[in-house]
Amino acid sequence: FTGVNQGRSAMQTLIIGALASSAAFGLAHLFS
């Protein structure tokens, strides 16, 4: 179970990072 949980948290971190970077990218385009 430990390996599965680790992979899940890694995926969540990747998804959250992608969402945050895309949101920052969109904001930068709005304010440029």
N, C-alpha and C. Protein backbone atom coordinates (compact mmCIF):
# COMPACT_ATOMS: atom_id res chain seq x y z
N PHE A 1 0.82 -1.22 0.00
CA PHE A 1 0.00 0.00 0.00
C PHE A 1 0.86 1.27 0.00
N THR A 2 2.05 1.16 0.59
CA THR A 2 2.90 2.34 0.69
C THR A 2 3.29 2.84 -0.70
N GLY A 3 3.69 1.92 -1.59
CA GLY A 3 4.09 2.32 -2.93
C GLY A 3 2.94 2.95 -3.70
N VAL A 4 1.75 2.38 -3.55
CA VAL A 4 0.58 2.93 -4.25
C VAL A 4 0.28 4.33 -3.75
N ASN A 5 0.33 4.51 -2.43
CA ASN A 5 0.05 5.83 -1.85
C ASN A 5 1.09 6.84 -2.32
N GLN A 6 2.35 6.40 -2.39
CA GLN A 6 3.41 7.31 -2.82
C GLN A 6 3.18 7.75 -4.27
N GLY A 7 2.82 6.82 -5.12
CA GLY A 7 2.56 7.16 -6.51
C GLY A 7 1.38 8.10 -6.64
N ARG A 8 0.35 7.88 -5.81
CA ARG A 8 -0.82 8.75 -5.87
C ARG A 8 -0.47 10.16 -5.45
N SER A 9 0.28 10.30 -4.37
CA SER A 9 0.65 11.65 -3.91
C SER A 9 1.56 12.32 -4.93
N ALA A 10 2.40 11.55 -5.60
CA ALA A 10 3.27 12.11 -6.62
C ALA A 10 2.43 12.64 -7.79
N MET A 11 1.41 11.87 -8.18
CA MET A 11 0.52 12.31 -9.26
C MET A 11 -0.23 13.57 -8.87
N GLN A 12 -0.71 13.61 -7.62
CA GLN A 12 -1.43 14.80 -7.15
C GLN A 12 -0.52 16.01 -7.18
N THR A 13 0.74 15.82 -6.77
CA THR A 13 1.69 16.94 -6.77
C THR A 13 1.91 17.44 -8.20
N LEU A 14 2.04 16.49 -9.15
CA LEU A 14 2.23 16.87 -10.55
C LEU A 14 1.03 17.65 -11.07
N ILE A 15 -0.17 17.15 -10.77
CA ILE A 15 -1.39 17.79 -11.26
C ILE A 15 -1.54 19.18 -10.66
N ILE A 16 -1.29 19.30 -9.36
CA ILE A 16 -1.41 20.60 -8.69
C ILE A 16 -0.38 21.57 -9.26
N GLY A 17 0.83 21.09 -9.50
CA GLY A 17 1.87 21.94 -10.07
C GLY A 17 1.50 22.42 -11.47
N ALA A 18 0.92 21.52 -12.26
CA ALA A 18 0.51 21.89 -13.62
C ALA A 18 -0.61 22.92 -13.58
N LEU A 19 -1.57 22.71 -12.67
CA LEU A 19 -2.68 23.67 -12.55
C LEU A 19 -2.16 25.03 -12.10
N ALA A 20 -1.26 25.04 -11.14
CA ALA A 20 -0.73 26.30 -10.63
C ALA A 20 0.05 27.04 -11.72
N SER A 21 0.87 26.30 -12.47
CA SER A 21 1.67 26.96 -13.51
C SER A 21 0.77 27.48 -14.64
N SER A 22 -0.26 26.73 -14.99
CA SER A 22 -1.16 27.20 -16.04
C SER A 22 -1.96 28.40 -15.56
N ALA A 23 -2.35 28.41 -14.29
CA ALA A 23 -3.07 29.56 -13.74
C ALA A 23 -2.17 30.79 -13.74
N ALA A 24 -0.92 30.62 -13.35
CA ALA A 24 0.03 31.74 -13.34
C ALA A 24 0.27 32.23 -14.76
N PHE A 25 0.35 31.29 -15.71
CA PHE A 25 0.54 31.66 -17.11
C PHE A 25 -0.64 32.48 -17.62
N GLY A 26 -1.85 32.05 -17.28
CA GLY A 26 -3.04 32.78 -17.70
C GLY A 26 -3.09 34.16 -17.08
N LEU A 27 -2.75 34.27 -15.80
CA LEU A 27 -2.75 35.57 -15.13
C LEU A 27 -1.72 36.49 -15.76
N ALA A 28 -0.55 35.96 -16.07
CA ALA A 28 0.50 36.77 -16.69
C ALA A 28 0.02 37.31 -18.04
N HIS A 29 -0.71 36.47 -18.79
CA HIS A 29 -1.23 36.92 -20.08
C HIS A 29 -2.31 37.99 -19.90
N LEU A 30 -3.11 37.84 -18.85
CA LEU A 30 -4.17 38.83 -18.61
C LEU A 30 -3.58 40.19 -18.27
N PHE A 31 -2.51 40.19 -17.48
CA PHE A 31 -1.97 41.46 -16.97
C PHE A 31 -0.86 42.03 -17.84
N SER A 32 -0.47 41.30 -18.88
CA SER A 32 0.62 41.83 -19.71
C SER A 32 0.12 42.93 -20.65
